[in-house]
Amino acid sequence: MKSWQIVRLLAGTFILLSLALGVQGSPVFVSQWWLAFTAFVGVNLLQSALTGWCLMESLLRKFGVQSGC
């Protein structure tokens, strides 16, 4: 997998997991504060789209993950 694919996979996983932990109707509900993590991931995705820079992608490249389109 390329770095941009891993970033999207992780972002989607983090959002779904934090929603499961933060929505009261969920069987694995822990606290509504998990919704703040959902917002954090969303803000990072928005920032990445506007600036063209993503910290997670930069870290993945340093670990040797191939970048690409």
PDB file of N, CA and C in Angstrom:
ATOM      1  N   MET A   1       0.844  -1.188   0.000  1.00  0.00           N
ATOM      2  CA  MET A   1       0.000   0.000   0.000  1.00  0.00           C
ATOM      3  C   MET A   1       0.884   1.244   0.000  1.00  0.00           C
ATOM      4  N   LYS A   2       0.401   2.248  -0.640  1.00  0.00           N
ATOM      5  CA  LYS A   2       1.098   3.535  -0.671  1.00  0.00           C
ATOM      6  C   LYS A   2       0.701   4.358   0.556  1.00  0.00           C
ATOM      7  N   SER A   3       1.495   5.383   0.856  1.00  0.00           N
ATOM      8  CA  SER A   3       1.276   6.167   2.075  1.00  0.00           C
ATOM      9  C   SER A   3      -0.097   6.834   2.097  1.00  0.00           C
ATOM     10  N   TRP A   4      -0.557   7.355   0.975  1.00  0.00           N
ATOM     11  CA  TRP A   4      -1.863   8.027   0.969  1.00  0.00           C
ATOM     12  C   TRP A   4      -2.994   7.038   1.223  1.00  0.00           C
ATOM     13  N   GLN A   5      -2.824   5.795   0.796  1.00  0.00           N
ATOM     14  CA  GLN A   5      -3.848   4.781   1.045  1.00  0.00           C
ATOM     15  C   GLN A   5      -3.898   4.407   2.527  1.00  0.00           C
ATOM     16  N   ILE A   6      -2.735   4.318   3.153  1.00  0.00           N
ATOM     17  CA  ILE A   6      -2.683   4.007   4.579  1.00  0.00           C
ATOM     18  C   ILE A   6      -3.288   5.138   5.395  1.00  0.00           C
ATOM     19  N   VAL A   7      -3.013   6.392   5.004  1.00  0.00           N
ATOM     20  CA  VAL A   7      -3.589   7.541   5.708  1.00  0.00           C
ATOM     21  C   VAL A   7      -5.108   7.488   5.654  1.00  0.00           C
ATOM     22  N   ARG A   8      -5.675   7.211   4.504  1.00  0.00           N
ATOM     23  CA  ARG A   8      -7.133   7.132   4.373  1.00  0.00           C
ATOM     24  C   ARG A   8      -7.699   5.961   5.159  1.00  0.00           C
ATOM     25  N   LEU A   9      -6.998   4.838   5.147  1.00  0.00           N
ATOM     26  CA  LEU A   9      -7.434   3.672   5.909  1.00  0.00           C
ATOM     27  C   LEU A   9      -7.444   3.971   7.403  1.00  0.00           C
ATOM     28  N   LEU A  10      -6.374   4.581   7.898  1.00  0.00           N
ATOM     29  CA  LEU A  10      -6.294   4.920   9.318  1.00  0.00           C
ATOM     30  C   LEU A  10      -7.328   5.967   9.710  1.00  0.00           C
ATOM     31  N   ALA A  11      -7.506   6.982   8.878  1.00  0.00           N
ATOM     32  CA  ALA A  11      -8.485   8.026   9.185  1.00  0.00           C
ATOM     33  C   ALA A  11      -9.890   7.442   9.279  1.00  0.00           C
ATOM     34  N   GLY A  12     -10.255   6.614   8.317  1.00  0.00           N
ATOM     35  CA  GLY A  12     -11.574   5.980   8.347  1.00  0.00           C
ATOM     36  C   GLY A  12     -11.747   5.077   9.550  1.00  0.00           C
ATOM     37  N   THR A  13     -10.719   4.317   9.876  1.00  0.00           N
ATOM     38  CA  THR A  13     -10.766   3.434  11.038  1.00  0.00           C
ATOM     39  C   THR A  13     -10.899   4.235  12.327  1.00  0.00           C
ATOM     40  N   PHE A  14     -10.107   5.303  12.466  1.00  0.00           N
ATOM     41  CA  PHE A  14     -10.169   6.143  13.664  1.00  0.00           C
ATOM     42  C   PHE A  14     -11.544   6.784  13.825  1.00  0.00           C
ATOM     43  N   ILE A  15     -12.118   7.251  12.733  1.00  0.00           N
ATOM     44  CA  ILE A  15     -13.430   7.891  12.803  1.00  0.00           C
ATOM     45  C   ILE A  15     -14.499   6.895  13.227  1.00  0.00           C
ATOM     46  N   LEU A  16     -14.517   5.736  12.588  1.00  0.00           N
ATOM     47  CA  LEU A  16     -15.528   4.725  12.944  1.00  0.00           C
ATOM     48  C   LEU A  16     -15.354   4.238  14.383  1.00  0.00           C
ATOM     49  N   LEU A  17     -14.123   4.026  14.803  1.00  0.00           N
ATOM     50  CA  LEU A  17     -13.865   3.572  16.168  1.00  0.00           C
ATOM     51  C   LEU A  17     -14.270   4.624  17.195  1.00  0.00           C
ATOM     52  N   SER A  18     -13.911   5.879  16.946  1.00  0.00           N
ATOM     53  CA  SER A  18     -14.259   6.924  17.906  1.00  0.00           C
ATOM     54  C   SER A  18     -15.758   7.186  17.943  1.00  0.00           C
ATOM     55  N   LEU A  19     -16.448   7.016  16.819  1.00  0.00           N
ATOM     56  CA  LEU A  19     -17.905   7.125  16.837  1.00  0.00           C
ATOM     57  C   LEU A  19     -18.529   5.992  17.638  1.00  0.00           C
ATOM     58  N   ALA A  20     -18.002   4.782  17.460  1.00  0.00           N
ATOM     59  CA  ALA A  20     -18.525   3.645  18.220  1.00  0.00           C
ATOM     60  C   ALA A  20     -18.326   3.845  19.718  1.00  0.00           C
ATOM     61  N   LEU A  21     -17.216   4.453  20.103  1.00  0.00           N
ATOM     62  CA  LEU A  21     -16.933   4.667  21.516  1.00  0.00           C
ATOM     63  C   LEU A  21     -17.615   5.909  22.081  1.00  0.00           C
ATOM     64  N   GLY A  22     -18.067   6.823  21.202  1.00  0.00           N
ATOM     65  CA  GLY A  22     -18.597   8.090  21.677  1.00  0.00           C
ATOM     66  C   GLY A  22     -20.091   8.298  21.546  1.00  0.00           C
ATOM     67  N   VAL A  23     -20.786   7.451  20.787  1.00  0.00           N
ATOM     68  CA  VAL A  23     -22.234   7.606  20.597  1.00  0.00           C
ATOM     69  C   VAL A  23     -22.960   6.747  21.635  1.00  0.00           C
ATOM     70  N   GLN A  24     -23.879   7.354  22.358  1.00  0.00           N
ATOM     71  CA  GLN A  24     -24.525   6.678  23.483  1.00  0.00           C
ATOM     72  C   GLN A  24     -25.283   5.411  23.089  1.00  0.00           C
ATOM     73  N   GLY A  25     -25.802   5.327  21.904  1.00  0.00           N
ATOM     74  CA  GLY A  25     -26.551   4.146  21.488  1.00  0.00           C
ATOM     75  C   GLY A  25     -25.669   2.960  21.120  1.00  0.00           C
ATOM     76  N   SER A  26     -24.370   3.166  21.074  1.00  0.00           N
ATOM     77  CA  SER A  26     -23.452   2.110  20.677  1.00  0.00           C
ATOM     78  C   SER A  26     -23.269   1.083  21.794  1.00  0.00           C
ATOM     79  N   PRO A  27     -23.151  -0.197  21.436  1.00  0.00           N
ATOM     80  CA  PRO A  27     -22.932  -1.222  22.472  1.00  0.00           C
ATOM     81  C   PRO A  27     -21.565  -1.131  23.143  1.00  0.00           C
ATOM     82  N   VAL A  28     -20.622  -0.407  22.551  1.00  0.00           N
ATOM     83  CA  VAL A  28     -19.290  -0.250  23.148  1.00  0.00           C
ATOM     84  C   VAL A  28     -19.051   1.180  23.632  1.00  0.00           C
ATOM     85  N   PHE A  29     -20.139   1.898  23.931  1.00  0.00           N
ATOM     86  CA  PHE A  29     -20.041   3.293  24.382  1.00  0.00           C
ATOM     87  C   PHE A  29     -19.161   3.402  25.621  1.00  0.00           C
ATOM     88  N   VAL A  30     -18.268   4.389  25.615  1.00  0.00           N
ATOM     89  CA  VAL A  30     -17.408   4.659  26.766  1.00  0.00           C
ATOM     90  C   VAL A  30     -17.678   6.061  27.301  1.00  0.00           C
ATOM     91  N   SER A  31     -17.526   7.066  26.423  1.00  0.00           N
ATOM     92  CA  SER A  31     -17.693   8.458  26.827  1.00  0.00           C
ATOM     93  C   SER A  31     -17.943   9.308  25.583  1.00  0.00           C
ATOM     94  N   GLN A  32     -18.709  10.370  25.778  1.00  0.00           N
ATOM     95  CA  GLN A  32     -18.951  11.286  24.653  1.00  0.00           C
ATOM     96  C   GLN A  32     -17.691  12.036  24.253  1.00  0.00           C
ATOM     97  N   TRP A  33     -16.689  12.039  25.097  1.00  0.00           N
ATOM     98  CA  TRP A  33     -15.435  12.723  24.776  1.00  0.00           C
ATOM     99  C   TRP A  33     -14.714  12.086  23.590  1.00  0.00           C
ATOM    100  N   TRP A  34     -15.064  10.858  23.245  1.00  0.00           N
ATOM    101  CA  TRP A  34     -14.477  10.235  22.059  1.00  0.00           C
ATOM    102  C   TRP A  34     -14.868  10.975  20.788  1.00  0.00           C
ATOM    103  N   LEU A  35     -15.972  11.712  20.834  1.00  0.00           N
ATOM    104  CA  LEU A  35     -16.387  12.488  19.662  1.00  0.00           C
ATOM    105  C   LEU A  35     -15.402  13.623  19.378  1.00  0.00           C
ATOM    106  N   ALA A  36     -14.670  14.063  20.388  1.00  0.00           N
ATOM    107  CA  ALA A  36     -13.629  15.074  20.169  1.00  0.00           C
ATOM    108  C   ALA A  36     -12.521  14.499  19.278  1.00  0.00           C
ATOM    109  N   PHE A  37     -12.229  13.219  19.435  1.00  0.00           N
ATOM    110  CA  PHE A  37     -11.231  12.576  18.576  1.00  0.00           C
ATOM    111  C   PHE A  37     -11.731  12.511  17.132  1.00  0.00           C
ATOM    112  N   THR A  38     -13.020  12.263  16.964  1.00  0.00           N
ATOM    113  CA  THR A  38     -13.614  12.283  15.614  1.00  0.00           C
ATOM    114  C   THR A  38     -13.414  13.660  14.983  1.00  0.00           C
ATOM    115  N   ALA A  39     -13.679  14.705  15.749  1.00  0.00           N
ATOM    116  CA  ALA A  39     -13.494  16.074  15.251  1.00  0.00           C
ATOM    117  C   ALA A  39     -12.027  16.343  14.926  1.00  0.00           C
ATOM    118  N   PHE A  40     -11.126  15.857  15.758  1.00  0.00           N
ATOM    119  CA  PHE A  40      -9.689  16.037  15.529  1.00  0.00           C
ATOM    120  C   PHE A  40      -9.263  15.421  14.201  1.00  0.00           C
ATOM    121  N   VAL A  41      -9.701  14.217  13.930  1.00  0.00           N
ATOM    122  CA  VAL A  41      -9.368  13.546  12.669  1.00  0.00           C
ATOM    123  C   VAL A  41      -9.963  14.329  11.497  1.00  0.00           C
ATOM    124  N   GLY A  42     -11.204  14.783  11.642  1.00  0.00           N
ATOM    125  CA  GLY A  42     -11.839  15.556  10.578  1.00  0.00           C
ATOM    126  C   GLY A  42     -11.113  16.852  10.285  1.00  0.00           C
ATOM    127  N   VAL A  43     -10.678  17.550  11.328  1.00  0.00           N
ATOM    128  CA  VAL A  43      -9.930  18.800  11.148  1.00  0.00           C
ATOM    129  C   VAL A  43      -8.600  18.528  10.447  1.00  0.00           C
ATOM    130  N   ASN A  44      -7.944  17.440  10.806  1.00  0.00           N
ATOM    131  CA  ASN A  44      -6.687  17.098  10.145  1.00  0.00           C
ATOM    132  C   ASN A  44      -6.894  16.764   8.679  1.00  0.00           C
ATOM    133  N   LEU A  45      -7.982  16.074   8.355  1.00  0.00           N
ATOM    134  CA  LEU A  45      -8.284  15.789   6.948  1.00  0.00           C
ATOM    135  C   LEU A  45      -8.558  17.071   6.174  1.00  0.00           C
ATOM    136  N   LEU A  46      -9.295  17.987   6.784  1.00  0.00           N
ATOM    137  CA  LEU A  46      -9.579  19.269   6.147  1.00  0.00           C
ATOM    138  C   LEU A  46      -8.298  20.066   5.937  1.00  0.00           C
ATOM    139  N   GLN A  47      -7.464  20.135   6.963  1.00  0.00           N
ATOM    140  CA  GLN A  47      -6.190  20.850   6.858  1.00  0.00           C
ATOM    141  C   GLN A  47      -5.325  20.246   5.763  1.00  0.00           C
ATOM    142  N   SER A  48      -5.291  18.932   5.676  1.00  0.00           N
ATOM    143  CA  SER A  48      -4.493  18.254   4.664  1.00  0.00           C
ATOM    144  C   SER A  48      -4.996  18.574   3.253  1.00  0.00           C
ATOM    145  N   ALA A  49      -6.305  18.623   3.096  1.00  0.00           N
ATOM    146  CA  ALA A  49      -6.876  18.933   1.782  1.00  0.00           C
ATOM    147  C   ALA A  49      -6.559  20.362   1.360  1.00  0.00           C
ATOM    148  N   LEU A  50      -6.540  21.284   2.317  1.00  0.00           N
ATOM    149  CA  LEU A  50      -6.316  22.695   1.989  1.00  0.00           C
ATOM    150  C   LEU A  50      -4.842  23.034   1.791  1.00  0.00           C
ATOM    151  N   THR A  51      -3.955  22.371   2.546  1.00  0.00           N
ATOM    152  CA  THR A  51      -2.540  22.720   2.478  1.00  0.00           C
ATOM    153  C   THR A  51      -1.714  21.762   1.640  1.00  0.00           C
ATOM    154  N   GLY A  52      -2.225  20.542   1.442  1.00  0.00           N
ATOM    155  CA  GLY A  52      -1.458  19.550   0.694  1.00  0.00           C
ATOM    156  C   GLY A  52      -0.399  18.860   1.535  1.00  0.00           C
ATOM    157  N   TRP A  53      -0.394  19.077   2.850  1.00  0.00           N
ATOM    158  CA  TRP A  53       0.578  18.461   3.741  1.00  0.00           C
ATOM    159  C   TRP A  53      -0.133  17.663   4.824  1.00  0.00           C
ATOM    160  N   CYS A  54       0.356  16.470   5.084  1.00  0.00           N
ATOM    161  CA  CYS A  54      -0.237  15.609   6.095  1.00  0.00           C
ATOM    162  C   CYS A  54       0.880  15.024   6.960  1.00  0.00           C
ATOM    163  N   LEU A  55       0.799  15.252   8.256  1.00  0.00           N
ATOM    164  CA  LEU A  55       1.825  14.766   9.176  1.00  0.00           C
ATOM    165  C   LEU A  55       1.927  13.246   9.142  1.00  0.00           C
ATOM    166  N   MET A  56       0.795  12.556   9.136  1.00  0.00           N
ATOM    167  CA  MET A  56       0.815  11.092   9.121  1.00  0.00           C
ATOM    168  C   MET A  56       1.506  10.565   7.874  1.00  0.00           C
ATOM    169  N   GLU A  57       1.247  11.172   6.748  1.00  0.00           N
ATOM    170  CA  GLU A  57       1.889  10.728   5.508  1.00  0.00           C
ATOM    171  C   GLU A  57       3.392  10.975   5.566  1.00  0.00           C
ATOM    172  N   SER A  58       3.800  12.099   6.140  1.00  0.00           N
ATOM    173  CA  SER A  58       5.230  12.380   6.299  1.00  0.00           C
ATOM    174  C   SER A  58       5.893  11.344   7.202  1.00  0.00           C
ATOM    175  N   LEU A  59       5.226  10.976   8.289  1.00  0.00           N
ATOM    176  CA  LEU A  59       5.772   9.961   9.191  1.00  0.00           C
ATOM    177  C   LEU A  59       5.875   8.605   8.510  1.00  0.00           C
ATOM    178  N   LEU A  60       4.861   8.251   7.743  1.00  0.00           N
ATOM    179  CA  LEU A  60       4.883   6.972   7.040  1.00  0.00           C
ATOM    180  C   LEU A  60       6.032   6.913   6.036  1.00  0.00           C
ATOM    181  N   ARG A  61       6.281   8.012   5.356  1.00  0.00           N
ATOM    182  CA  ARG A  61       7.390   8.041   4.393  1.00  0.00           C
ATOM    183  C   ARG A  61       8.730   7.871   5.100  1.00  0.00           C
ATOM    184  N   LYS A  62       8.860   8.465   6.309  1.00  0.00           N
ATOM    185  CA  LYS A  62      10.106   8.306   7.073  1.00  0.00           C
ATOM    186  C   LYS A  62      10.308   6.861   7.498  1.00  0.00           C
ATOM    187  N   PHE A  63       9.213   6.106   7.675  1.00  0.00           N
ATOM    188  CA  PHE A  63       9.300   4.702   8.026  1.00  0.00           C
ATOM    189  C   PHE A  63       9.500   3.817   6.786  1.00  0.00           C
ATOM    190  N   GLY A  64       9.620   4.448   5.620  1.00  0.00           N
ATOM    191  CA  GLY A  64       9.929   3.704   4.406  1.00  0.00           C
ATOM    192  C   GLY A  64       8.733   3.285   3.571  1.00  0.00           C
ATOM    193  N   VAL A  65       7.537   3.768   3.916  1.00  0.00           N
ATOM    194  CA  VAL A  65       6.369   3.450   3.115  1.00  0.00           C
ATOM    195  C   VAL A  65       6.437   4.252   1.816  1.00  0.00           C
ATOM    196  N   GLN A  66       6.146   3.608   0.721  1.00  0.00           N
ATOM    197  CA  GLN A  66       6.241   4.249  -0.589  1.00  0.00           C
ATOM    198  C   GLN A  66       5.126   5.284  -0.767  1.00  0.00           C
ATOM    199  N   SER A  67       5.517   6.469  -1.250  1.00  0.00           N
ATOM    200  CA  SER A  67       4.502   7.466  -1.582  1.00  0.00           C
ATOM    201  C   SER A  67       4.099   7.274  -3.036  1.00  0.00           C
ATOM    202  N   GLY A  68       3.079   7.962  -3.457  1.00  0.00           N
ATOM    203  CA  GLY A  68       2.662   7.837  -4.845  1.00  0.00           C
ATOM    204  C   GLY A  68       1.221   8.243  -5.027  1.00  0.00           C
ATOM    205  N   CYS A  69       0.830   8.295  -6.290  1.00  0.00           N
ATOM    206  CA  CYS A  69      -0.530   8.736  -6.616  1.00  0.00           C
ATOM    207  C   CYS A  69      -1.514   7.614  -6.693  1.00  0.00           C
TER     208      CYS A  69
END
